[in-house]
Amino acid sequence: ESLELMPRGWHMADGLKHALPDNYEQAVDILLESLPPPR
């Protein structure tokens, strides 16, 4: 709640790093699999 818009995005990016697998490519696969269809 104390953060502005863009810092909230960066803070959540760090949160994803904290909760996803340490292996970056595995983490990316998980993120992409969770996406809805394109706009």
PDB file of all heavy atoms in Angstrom:
ATOM      1  N   GLU A   1       0.817  -1.223   0.000  1.00  0.00           N
ATOM      2  CA  GLU A   1       0.000   0.000   0.000  1.00  0.00           C
ATOM      3  C   GLU A   1       0.846   1.266   0.000  1.00  0.00           C
ATOM      4  O   GLU A   1       0.386   2.320  -0.453  1.00  0.00           O
ATOM      5  CB  GLU A   1      -0.932   0.003   1.215  1.00  0.00           C
ATOM      6  CG  GLU A   1      -1.989  -1.093   1.207  1.00  0.00           C
ATOM      7  CD  GLU A   1      -3.190  -0.739   0.333  1.00  0.00           C
ATOM      8  OE1 GLU A   1      -3.077   0.205  -0.475  1.00  0.00           O
ATOM      9  OE2 GLU A   1      -4.218  -1.409   0.465  1.00  0.00           O
ATOM     10  N   SER A   2       2.076   1.191   0.464  1.00  0.00           N
ATOM     11  CA  SER A   2       2.923   2.385   0.537  1.00  0.00           C
ATOM     12  C   SER A   2       3.588   2.717  -0.794  1.00  0.00           C
ATOM     13  O   SER A   2       4.199   3.782  -0.933  1.00  0.00           O
ATOM     14  CB  SER A   2       4.011   2.191   1.594  1.00  0.00           C
ATOM     15  OG  SER A   2       4.911   1.153   1.217  1.00  0.00           O
ATOM     16  N   LEU A   3       3.477   1.823  -1.778  1.00  0.00           N
ATOM     17  CA  LEU A   3       4.195   1.979  -3.037  1.00  0.00           C
ATOM     18  C   LEU A   3       3.341   2.635  -4.111  1.00  0.00           C
ATOM     19  O   LEU A   3       2.118   2.508  -4.111  1.00  0.00           O
ATOM     20  CB  LEU A   3       4.669   0.612  -3.541  1.00  0.00           C
ATOM     21  CG  LEU A   3       5.605  -0.170  -2.608  1.00  0.00           C
ATOM     22  CD1 LEU A   3       5.868  -1.559  -3.163  1.00  0.00           C
ATOM     23  CD2 LEU A   3       6.921   0.592  -2.412  1.00  0.00           C
ATOM     24  N   GLU A   4       3.991   3.328  -5.046  1.00  0.00           N
ATOM     25  CA  GLU A   4       3.324   3.876  -6.219  1.00  0.00           C
ATOM     26  C   GLU A   4       3.131   2.768  -7.252  1.00  0.00           C
ATOM     27  O   GLU A   4       3.526   1.618  -7.034  1.00  0.00           O
ATOM     28  CB  GLU A   4       4.123   5.040  -6.798  1.00  0.00           C
ATOM     29  CG  GLU A   4       4.268   6.227  -5.853  1.00  0.00           C
ATOM     30  CD  GLU A   4       2.922   6.807  -5.454  1.00  0.00           C
ATOM     31  OE1 GLU A   4       2.039   6.948  -6.332  1.00  0.00           O
ATOM     32  OE2 GLU A   4       2.736   7.106  -4.258  1.00  0.00           O
ATOM     33  N   LEU A   5       2.544   3.131  -8.395  1.00  0.00           N
ATOM     34  CA  LEU A   5       2.145   2.115  -9.375  1.00  0.00           C
ATOM     35  C   LEU A   5       3.316   1.269  -9.866  1.00  0.00           C
ATOM     36  O   LEU A   5       3.302   0.037  -9.717  1.00  0.00           O
ATOM     37  CB  LEU A   5       1.461   2.793 -10.561  1.00  0.00           C
ATOM     38  CG  LEU A   5       1.061   1.856 -11.714  1.00  0.00           C
ATOM     39  CD1 LEU A   5       0.031   0.833 -11.248  1.00  0.00           C
ATOM     40  CD2 LEU A   5       0.535   2.666 -12.886  1.00  0.00           C
ATOM     41  N   MET A   6       4.316   1.885 -10.475  1.00  0.00           N
ATOM     42  CA  MET A   6       5.421   1.113 -11.050  1.00  0.00           C
ATOM     43  C   MET A   6       6.210   0.357  -9.976  1.00  0.00           C
ATOM     44  O   MET A   6       6.550  -0.813 -10.166  1.00  0.00           O
ATOM     45  CB  MET A   6       6.335   2.028 -11.871  1.00  0.00           C
ATOM     46  CG  MET A   6       5.651   2.687 -13.060  1.00  0.00           C
ATOM     47  SD  MET A   6       5.196   1.504 -14.351  1.00  0.00           S
ATOM     48  CE  MET A   6       6.687   1.565 -15.354  1.00  0.00           C
ATOM     49  N   PRO A   7       6.512   0.986  -8.833  1.00  0.00           N
ATOM     50  CA  PRO A   7       7.177   0.214  -7.784  1.00  0.00           C
ATOM     51  C   PRO A   7       6.372  -0.994  -7.316  1.00  0.00           C
ATOM     52  O   PRO A   7       6.949  -2.011  -6.898  1.00  0.00           O
ATOM     53  CB  PRO A   7       7.347   1.236  -6.653  1.00  0.00           C
ATOM     54  CG  PRO A   7       7.463   2.543  -7.365  1.00  0.00           C
ATOM     55  CD  PRO A   7       6.499   2.436  -8.509  1.00  0.00           C
ATOM     56  N   ARG A   8       5.038  -0.934  -7.374  1.00  0.00           N
ATOM     57  CA  ARG A   8       4.245  -2.115  -7.037  1.00  0.00           C
ATOM     58  C   ARG A   8       4.541  -3.255  -8.016  1.00  0.00           C
ATOM     59  O   ARG A   8       4.619  -4.427  -7.623  1.00  0.00           O
ATOM     60  CB  ARG A   8       2.756  -1.768  -7.049  1.00  0.00           C
ATOM     61  CG  ARG A   8       2.340  -0.885  -5.899  1.00  0.00           C
ATOM     62  CD  ARG A   8       0.843  -0.574  -5.867  1.00  0.00           C
ATOM     63  NE  ARG A   8       0.536   0.312  -4.739  1.00  0.00           N
ATOM     64  CZ  ARG A   8      -0.674   0.625  -4.337  1.00  0.00           C
ATOM     65  NH1 ARG A   8      -1.737   0.150  -4.979  1.00  0.00           N
ATOM     66  NH2 ARG A   8      -0.858   1.433  -3.300  1.00  0.00           N
ATOM     67  N   GLY A   9       4.711  -2.904  -9.302  1.00  0.00           N
ATOM     68  CA  GLY A   9       5.050  -3.929 -10.279  1.00  0.00           C
ATOM     69  C   GLY A   9       6.400  -4.559 -10.008  1.00  0.00           C
ATOM     70  O   GLY A   9       6.549  -5.793 -10.059  1.00  0.00           O
ATOM     71  N   TRP A  10       7.399  -3.739  -9.710  1.00  0.00           N
ATOM     72  CA  TRP A  10       8.727  -4.274  -9.417  1.00  0.00           C
ATOM     73  C   TRP A  10       8.726  -5.104  -8.132  1.00  0.00           C
ATOM     74  O   TRP A  10       9.401  -6.138  -8.046  1.00  0.00           O
ATOM     75  CB  TRP A  10       9.737  -3.129  -9.295  1.00  0.00           C
ATOM     76  CG  TRP A  10      10.103  -2.506 -10.598  1.00  0.00           C
ATOM     77  CD1 TRP A  10       9.757  -1.264 -11.045  1.00  0.00           C
ATOM     78  CD2 TRP A  10      10.872  -3.097 -11.647  1.00  0.00           C
ATOM     79  NE1 TRP A  10      10.263  -1.044 -12.299  1.00  0.00           N
ATOM     80  CE2 TRP A  10      10.964  -2.148 -12.697  1.00  0.00           C
ATOM     81  CE3 TRP A  10      11.500  -4.332 -11.798  1.00  0.00           C
ATOM     82  CZ2 TRP A  10      11.659  -2.393 -13.879  1.00  0.00           C
ATOM     83  CZ3 TRP A  10      12.187  -4.581 -12.978  1.00  0.00           C
ATOM     84  CH2 TRP A  10      12.266  -3.627 -14.004  1.00  0.00           C
ATOM     85  N   HIS A  11       7.977  -4.652  -7.146  1.00  0.00           N
ATOM     86  CA  HIS A  11       7.896  -5.387  -5.880  1.00  0.00           C
ATOM     87  C   HIS A  11       7.269  -6.763  -6.090  1.00  0.00           C
ATOM     88  O   HIS A  11       7.749  -7.764  -5.539  1.00  0.00           O
ATOM     89  CB  HIS A  11       7.077  -4.559  -4.885  1.00  0.00           C
ATOM     90  CG  HIS A  11       6.999  -5.145  -3.514  1.00  0.00           C
ATOM     91  ND1 HIS A  11       8.115  -5.502  -2.776  1.00  0.00           N
ATOM     92  CD2 HIS A  11       5.917  -5.442  -2.722  1.00  0.00           C
ATOM     93  CE1 HIS A  11       7.740  -5.987  -1.604  1.00  0.00           C
ATOM     94  NE2 HIS A  11       6.413  -5.967  -1.552  1.00  0.00           N
ATOM     95  N   MET A  12       6.250  -6.834  -6.917  1.00  0.00           N
ATOM     96  CA  MET A  12       5.645  -8.139  -7.196  1.00  0.00           C
ATOM     97  C   MET A  12       6.568  -9.013  -8.032  1.00  0.00           C
ATOM     98  O   MET A  12       6.552 -10.245  -7.905  1.00  0.00           O
ATOM     99  CB  MET A  12       4.295  -7.960  -7.884  1.00  0.00           C
ATOM    100  CG  MET A  12       3.176  -7.615  -6.914  1.00  0.00           C
ATOM    101  SD  MET A  12       1.534  -7.704  -7.667  1.00  0.00           S
ATOM    102  CE  MET A  12       1.521  -6.154  -8.553  1.00  0.00           C
ATOM    103  N   ALA A  13       7.382  -8.397  -8.904  1.00  0.00           N
ATOM    104  CA  ALA A  13       8.373  -9.185  -9.642  1.00  0.00           C
ATOM    105  C   ALA A  13       9.340  -9.858  -8.678  1.00  0.00           C
ATOM    106  O   ALA A  13       9.690 -11.040  -8.841  1.00  0.00           O
ATOM    107  CB  ALA A  13       9.131  -8.287 -10.613  1.00  0.00           C
ATOM    108  N   ASP A  14       9.755  -9.132  -7.642  1.00  0.00           N
ATOM    109  CA  ASP A  14      10.622  -9.738  -6.622  1.00  0.00           C
ATOM    110  C   ASP A  14       9.879 -10.821  -5.853  1.00  0.00           C
ATOM    111  O   ASP A  14      10.464 -11.836  -5.467  1.00  0.00           O
ATOM    112  CB  ASP A  14      11.133  -8.662  -5.670  1.00  0.00           C
ATOM    113  CG  ASP A  14      12.077  -7.682  -6.347  1.00  0.00           C
ATOM    114  OD1 ASP A  14      12.681  -8.049  -7.382  1.00  0.00           O
ATOM    115  OD2 ASP A  14      12.212  -6.544  -5.850  1.00  0.00           O
ATOM    116  N   GLY A  15       8.581 -10.609  -5.637  1.00  0.00           N
ATOM    117  CA  GLY A  15       7.784 -11.637  -4.976  1.00  0.00           C
ATOM    118  C   GLY A  15       7.680 -12.905  -5.811  1.00  0.00           C
ATOM    119  O   GLY A  15       7.703 -14.023  -5.267  1.00  0.00           O
ATOM    120  N   LEU A  16       7.569 -12.758  -7.126  1.00  0.00           N
ATOM    121  CA  LEU A  16       7.556 -13.928  -8.007  1.00  0.00           C
ATOM    122  C   LEU A  16       8.876 -14.680  -7.908  1.00  0.00           C
ATOM    123  O   LEU A  16       8.904 -15.917  -7.849  1.00  0.00           O
ATOM    124  CB  LEU A  16       7.294 -13.493  -9.448  1.00  0.00           C
ATOM    125  CG  LEU A  16       5.891 -12.972  -9.758  1.00  0.00           C
ATOM    126  CD1 LEU A  16       5.822 -12.402 -11.170  1.00  0.00           C
ATOM    127  CD2 LEU A  16       4.844 -14.074  -9.574  1.00  0.00           C
ATOM    128  N   LYS A  17       9.962 -13.951  -7.894  1.00  0.00           N
ATOM    129  CA  LYS A  17      11.271 -14.585  -7.744  1.00  0.00           C
ATOM    130  C   LYS A  17      11.351 -15.358  -6.433  1.00  0.00           C
ATOM    131  O   LYS A  17      11.920 -16.458  -6.366  1.00  0.00           O
ATOM    132  CB  LYS A  17      12.360 -13.505  -7.783  1.00  0.00           C
ATOM    133  CG  LYS A  17      13.766 -14.002  -7.491  1.00  0.00           C
ATOM    134  CD  LYS A  17      14.265 -14.962  -8.539  1.00  0.00           C
ATOM    135  CE  LYS A  17      15.730 -15.325  -8.280  1.00  0.00           C
ATOM    136  NZ  LYS A  17      16.223 -16.361  -9.217  1.00  0.00           N
ATOM    137  N   HIS A  18      10.733 -14.798  -5.409  1.00  0.00           N
ATOM    138  CA  HIS A  18      10.752 -15.413  -4.081  1.00  0.00           C
ATOM    139  C   HIS A  18       9.961 -16.721  -4.046  1.00  0.00           C
ATOM    140  O   HIS A  18      10.317 -17.649  -3.301  1.00  0.00           O
ATOM    141  CB  HIS A  18      10.174 -14.407  -3.075  1.00  0.00           C
ATOM    142  CG  HIS A  18      10.301 -14.788  -1.651  1.00  0.00           C
ATOM    143  ND1 HIS A  18      11.515 -14.918  -1.014  1.00  0.00           N
ATOM    144  CD2 HIS A  18       9.353 -15.071  -0.714  1.00  0.00           C
ATOM    145  CE1 HIS A  18      11.315 -15.260   0.242  1.00  0.00           C
ATOM    146  NE2 HIS A  18      10.018 -15.360   0.458  1.00  0.00           N
ATOM    147  N   ALA A  19       8.895 -16.805  -4.842  1.00  0.00           N
ATOM    148  CA  ALA A  19       7.972 -17.941  -4.739  1.00  0.00           C
ATOM    149  C   ALA A  19       8.084 -18.956  -5.871  1.00  0.00           C
ATOM    150  O   ALA A  19       7.599 -20.076  -5.743  1.00  0.00           O
ATOM    151  CB  ALA A  19       6.537 -17.425  -4.672  1.00  0.00           C
ATOM    152  N   LEU A  20       8.683 -18.575  -6.992  1.00  0.00           N
ATOM    153  CA  LEU A  20       8.844 -19.493  -8.123  1.00  0.00           C
ATOM    154  C   LEU A  20      10.122 -20.316  -7.975  1.00  0.00           C
ATOM    155  O   LEU A  20      10.982 -19.989  -7.141  1.00  0.00           O
ATOM    156  CB  LEU A  20       8.896 -18.688  -9.430  1.00  0.00           C
ATOM    157  CG  LEU A  20       7.573 -18.108  -9.928  1.00  0.00           C
ATOM    158  CD1 LEU A  20       7.827 -17.060 -11.019  1.00  0.00           C
ATOM    159  CD2 LEU A  20       6.651 -19.212 -10.440  1.00  0.00           C
ATOM    160  N   PRO A  21      10.283 -21.349  -8.786  1.00  0.00           N
ATOM    161  CA  PRO A  21      11.530 -22.133  -8.736  1.00  0.00           C
ATOM    162  C   PRO A  21      12.754 -21.257  -8.999  1.00  0.00           C
ATOM    163  O   PRO A  21      12.680 -20.266  -9.734  1.00  0.00           O
ATOM    164  CB  PRO A  21      11.342 -23.161  -9.857  1.00  0.00           C
ATOM    165  CG  PRO A  21       9.873 -23.304 -10.009  1.00  0.00           C
ATOM    166  CD  PRO A  21       9.300 -21.951  -9.714  1.00  0.00           C
ATOM    167  N   ASP A  22      13.883 -21.634  -8.419  1.00  0.00           N
ATOM    168  CA  ASP A  22      15.101 -20.874  -8.611  1.00  0.00           C
ATOM    169  C   ASP A  22      15.569 -20.898 -10.061  1.00  0.00           C
ATOM    170  O   ASP A  22      16.196 -19.943 -10.524  1.00  0.00           O
ATOM    171  CB  ASP A  22      16.215 -21.409  -7.712  1.00  0.00           C
ATOM    172  CG  ASP A  22      15.970 -21.101  -6.235  1.00  0.00           C
ATOM    173  OD1 ASP A  22      15.246 -20.119  -5.957  1.00  0.00           O
ATOM    174  OD2 ASP A  22      16.492 -21.826  -5.379  1.00  0.00           O
ATOM    175  N   ASN A  23      15.271 -21.978 -10.756  1.00  0.00           N
ATOM    176  CA  ASN A  23      15.651 -22.094 -12.157  1.00  0.00           C
ATOM    177  C   ASN A  23      14.813 -21.127 -12.996  1.00  0.00           C
ATOM    178  O   ASN A  23      13.593 -21.264 -13.091  1.00  0.00           O
ATOM    179  CB  ASN A  23      15.452 -23.539 -12.636  1.00  0.00           C
ATOM    180  CG  ASN A  23      15.904 -23.725 -14.076  1.00  0.00           C
ATOM    181  OD1 ASN A  23      15.287 -23.218 -15.003  1.00  0.00           O
ATOM    182  ND2 ASN A  23      16.989 -24.467 -14.246  1.00  0.00           N
ATOM    183  N   TYR A  24      15.478 -20.135 -13.599  1.00  0.00           N
ATOM    184  CA  TYR A  24      14.750 -19.084 -14.301  1.00  0.00           C
ATOM    185  C   TYR A  24      13.881 -19.630 -15.418  1.00  0.00           C
ATOM    186  O   TYR A  24      12.721 -19.222 -15.578  1.00  0.00           O
ATOM    187  CB  TYR A  24      15.738 -18.057 -14.859  1.00  0.00           C
ATOM    188  CG  TYR A  24      15.085 -17.006 -15.736  1.00  0.00           C
ATOM    189  CD1 TYR A  24      14.418 -15.915 -15.170  1.00  0.00           C
ATOM    190  CD2 TYR A  24      15.117 -17.110 -17.132  1.00  0.00           C
ATOM    191  CE1 TYR A  24      13.804 -14.965 -15.972  1.00  0.00           C
ATOM    192  CE2 TYR A  24      14.501 -16.158 -17.931  1.00  0.00           C
ATOM    193  CZ  TYR A  24      13.848 -15.089 -17.348  1.00  0.00           C
ATOM    194  OH  TYR A  24      13.229 -14.151 -18.144  1.00  0.00           O
ATOM    195  N   GLU A  25      14.395 -20.534 -16.217  1.00  0.00           N
ATOM    196  CA  GLU A  25      13.635 -21.026 -17.357  1.00  0.00           C
ATOM    197  C   GLU A  25      12.419 -21.821 -16.914  1.00  0.00           C
ATOM    198  O   GLU A  25      11.352 -21.752 -17.547  1.00  0.00           O
ATOM    199  CB  GLU A  25      14.544 -21.829 -18.281  1.00  0.00           C
ATOM    200  CG  GLU A  25      15.658 -20.952 -18.869  1.00  0.00           C
ATOM    201  CD  GLU A  25      16.392 -21.590 -20.029  1.00  0.00           C
ATOM    202  OE1 GLU A  25      15.939 -22.642 -20.516  1.00  0.00           O
ATOM    203  OE2 GLU A  25      17.410 -21.021 -20.457  1.00  0.00           O
ATOM    204  N   GLN A  26      12.532 -22.552 -15.824  1.00  0.00           N
ATOM    205  CA  GLN A  26      11.356 -23.225 -15.269  1.00  0.00           C
ATOM    206  C   GLN A  26      10.335 -22.194 -14.781  1.00  0.00           C
ATOM    207  O   GLN A  26       9.122 -22.359 -14.992  1.00  0.00           O
ATOM    208  CB  GLN A  26      11.772 -24.142 -14.119  1.00  0.00           C
ATOM    209  CG  GLN A  26      12.546 -25.371 -14.551  1.00  0.00           C
ATOM    210  CD  GLN A  26      12.923 -26.245 -13.363  1.00  0.00           C
ATOM    211  OE1 GLN A  26      12.458 -26.030 -12.234  1.00  0.00           O
ATOM    212  NE2 GLN A  26      13.778 -27.238 -13.604  1.00  0.00           N
ATOM    213  N   ALA A  27      10.830 -21.148 -14.139  1.00  0.00           N
ATOM    214  CA  ALA A  27       9.931 -20.110 -13.632  1.00  0.00           C
ATOM    215  C   ALA A  27       9.187 -19.434 -14.784  1.00  0.00           C
ATOM    216  O   ALA A  27       7.970 -19.191 -14.691  1.00  0.00           O
ATOM    217  CB  ALA A  27      10.737 -19.086 -12.829  1.00  0.00           C
ATOM    218  N   VAL A  28       9.886 -19.130 -15.870  1.00  0.00           N
ATOM    219  CA  VAL A  28       9.244 -18.505 -17.024  1.00  0.00           C
ATOM    220  C   VAL A  28       8.185 -19.418 -17.621  1.00  0.00           C
ATOM    221  O   VAL A  28       7.087 -18.973 -17.991  1.00  0.00           O
ATOM    222  CB  VAL A  28      10.298 -18.121 -18.083  1.00  0.00           C
ATOM    223  CG1 VAL A  28       9.650 -17.899 -19.452  1.00  0.00           C
ATOM    224  CG2 VAL A  28      11.025 -16.847 -17.659  1.00  0.00           C
ATOM    225  N   ASP A  29       8.492 -20.709 -17.716  1.00  0.00           N
ATOM    226  CA  ASP A  29       7.504 -21.656 -18.251  1.00  0.00           C
ATOM    227  C   ASP A  29       6.218 -21.636 -17.428  1.00  0.00           C
ATOM    228  O   ASP A  29       5.109 -21.689 -17.978  1.00  0.00           O
ATOM    229  CB  ASP A  29       8.083 -23.076 -18.274  1.00  0.00           C
ATOM    230  CG  ASP A  29       9.101 -23.267 -19.391  1.00  0.00           C
ATOM    231  OD1 ASP A  29       9.091 -22.464 -20.335  1.00  0.00           O
ATOM    232  OD2 ASP A  29       9.898 -24.219 -19.299  1.00  0.00           O
ATOM    233  N   ILE A  30       6.367 -21.553 -16.127  1.00  0.00           N
ATOM    234  CA  ILE A  30       5.193 -21.530 -15.244  1.00  0.00           C
ATOM    235  C   ILE A  30       4.393 -20.247 -15.476  1.00  0.00           C
ATOM    236  O   ILE A  30       3.161 -20.270 -15.597  1.00  0.00           O
ATOM    237  CB  ILE A  30       5.630 -21.650 -13.775  1.00  0.00           C
ATOM    238  CG1 ILE A  30       6.190 -23.055 -13.506  1.00  0.00           C
ATOM    239  CG2 ILE A  30       4.464 -21.357 -12.830  1.00  0.00           C
ATOM    240  CD1 ILE A  30       6.889 -23.194 -12.172  1.00  0.00           C
ATOM    241  N   LEU A  31       5.076 -19.106 -15.548  1.00  0.00           N
ATOM    242  CA  LEU A  31       4.386 -17.839 -15.774  1.00  0.00           C
ATOM    243  C   LEU A  31       3.627 -17.853 -17.102  1.00  0.00           C
ATOM    244  O   LEU A  31       2.466 -17.423 -17.168  1.00  0.00           O
ATOM    245  CB  LEU A  31       5.382 -16.675 -15.759  1.00  0.00           C
ATOM    246  CG  LEU A  31       5.975 -16.288 -14.402  1.00  0.00           C
ATOM    247  CD1 LEU A  31       6.951 -15.122 -14.573  1.00  0.00           C
ATOM    248  CD2 LEU A  31       4.893 -15.913 -13.401  1.00  0.00           C
ATOM    249  N   LEU A  32       4.269 -18.342 -18.139  1.00  0.00           N
ATOM    250  CA  LEU A  32       3.626 -18.351 -19.450  1.00  0.00           C
ATOM    251  C   LEU A  32       2.448 -19.303 -19.493  1.00  0.00           C
ATOM    252  O   LEU A  32       1.434 -19.033 -20.148  1.00  0.00           O
ATOM    253  CB  LEU A  32       4.640 -18.710 -20.534  1.00  0.00           C
ATOM    254  CG  LEU A  32       5.810 -17.726 -20.715  1.00  0.00           C
ATOM    255  CD1 LEU A  32       6.637 -18.113 -21.934  1.00  0.00           C
ATOM    256  CD2 LEU A  32       5.313 -16.291 -20.858  1.00  0.00           C
ATOM    257  N   GLU A  33       2.558 -20.396 -18.794  1.00  0.00           N
ATOM    258  CA  GLU A  33       1.460 -21.364 -18.771  1.00  0.00           C
ATOM    259  C   GLU A  33       0.235 -20.782 -18.073  1.00  0.00           C
ATOM    260  O   GLU A  33      -0.903 -21.173 -18.361  1.00  0.00           O
ATOM    261  CB  GLU A  33       1.901 -22.649 -18.073  1.00  0.00           C
ATOM    262  CG  GLU A  33       0.922 -23.802 -18.209  1.00  0.00           C
ATOM    263  CD  GLU A  33       1.406 -25.070 -17.528  1.00  0.00           C
ATOM    264  OE1 GLU A  33       2.602 -25.128 -17.163  1.00  0.00           O
ATOM    265  OE2 GLU A  33       0.592 -25.996 -17.356  1.00  0.00           O
ATOM    266  N   SER A  34       0.444 -19.822 -17.184  1.00  0.00           N
ATOM    267  CA  SER A  34      -0.670 -19.243 -16.427  1.00  0.00           C
ATOM    268  C   SER A  34      -1.384 -18.122 -17.173  1.00  0.00           C
ATOM    269  O   SER A  34      -2.401 -17.610 -16.691  1.00  0.00           O
ATOM    270  CB  SER A  34      -0.163 -18.713 -15.081  1.00  0.00           C
ATOM    271  OG  SER A  34       0.601 -17.525 -15.241  1.00  0.00           O
ATOM    272  N   LEU A  35      -0.882 -17.729 -18.348  1.00  0.00           N
ATOM    273  CA  LEU A  35      -1.443 -16.580 -19.047  1.00  0.00           C
ATOM    274  C   LEU A  35      -2.773 -16.922 -19.730  1.00  0.00           C
ATOM    275  O   LEU A  35      -2.952 -18.027 -20.237  1.00  0.00           O
ATOM    276  CB  LEU A  35      -0.460 -16.075 -20.114  1.00  0.00           C
ATOM    277  CG  LEU A  35       0.890 -15.557 -19.626  1.00  0.00           C
ATOM    278  CD1 LEU A  35       1.737 -15.133 -20.817  1.00  0.00           C
ATOM    279  CD2 LEU A  35       0.719 -14.406 -18.649  1.00  0.00           C
ATOM    280  N   PRO A  36      -3.678 -15.951 -19.803  1.00  0.00           N
ATOM    281  CA  PRO A  36      -4.901 -16.123 -20.580  1.00  0.00           C
ATOM    282  C   PRO A  36      -4.604 -15.928 -22.062  1.00  0.00           C
ATOM    283  O   PRO A  36      -3.469 -15.609 -22.433  1.00  0.00           O
ATOM    284  CB  PRO A  36      -5.802 -15.000 -20.048  1.00  0.00           C
ATOM    285  CG  PRO A  36      -4.826 -13.923 -19.689  1.00  0.00           C
ATOM    286  CD  PRO A  36      -3.604 -14.629 -19.155  1.00  0.00           C
ATOM    287  N   PRO A  37      -5.602 -16.057 -22.940  1.00  0.00           N
ATOM    288  CA  PRO A  37      -5.373 -15.816 -24.367  1.00  0.00           C
ATOM    289  C   PRO A  37      -4.924 -14.377 -24.620  1.00  0.00           C
ATOM    290  O   PRO A  37      -5.172 -13.479 -23.813  1.00  0.00           O
ATOM    291  CB  PRO A  37      -6.741 -16.089 -25.002  1.00  0.00           C
ATOM    292  CG  PRO A  37      -7.431 -16.990 -24.022  1.00  0.00           C
ATOM    293  CD  PRO A  37      -6.960 -16.557 -22.672  1.00  0.00           C
ATOM    294  N   PRO A  38      -4.268 -14.120 -25.757  1.00  0.00           N
ATOM    295  CA  PRO A  38      -3.804 -12.766 -26.079  1.00  0.00           C
ATOM    296  C   PRO A  38      -4.952 -11.776 -26.196  1.00  0.00           C
ATOM    297  O   PRO A  38      -6.100 -12.148 -26.440  1.00  0.00           O
ATOM    298  CB  PRO A  38      -3.098 -12.934 -27.427  1.00  0.00           C
ATOM    299  CG  PRO A  38      -2.738 -14.381 -27.500  1.00  0.00           C
ATOM    300  CD  PRO A  38      -3.832 -15.107 -26.763  1.00  0.00           C
ATOM    301  N   ARG A  39      -4.620 -10.499 -26.024  1.00  0.00           N
ATOM    302  CA  ARG A  39      -5.589  -9.429 -26.252  1.00  0.00           C
ATOM    303  C   ARG A  39      -5.980  -9.384 -27.724  1.00  0.00           C
ATOM    304  O   ARG A  39      -5.182  -9.731 -28.594  1.00  0.00           O
ATOM    305  CB  ARG A  39      -4.980  -8.072 -25.878  1.00  0.00           C
ATOM    306  CG  ARG A  39      -4.782  -7.830 -24.411  1.00  0.00           C
ATOM    307  CD  ARG A  39      -4.226  -6.425 -24.202  1.00  0.00           C
ATOM    308  NE  ARG A  39      -2.881  -6.290 -24.760  1.00  0.00           N
ATOM    309  CZ  ARG A  39      -2.296  -5.136 -25.072  1.00  0.00           C
ATOM    310  NH1 ARG A  39      -2.971  -4.005 -24.908  1.00  0.00           N
ATOM    311  NH2 ARG A  39      -1.078  -5.092 -25.553  1.00  0.00           N
TER     312      ARG A  39
END
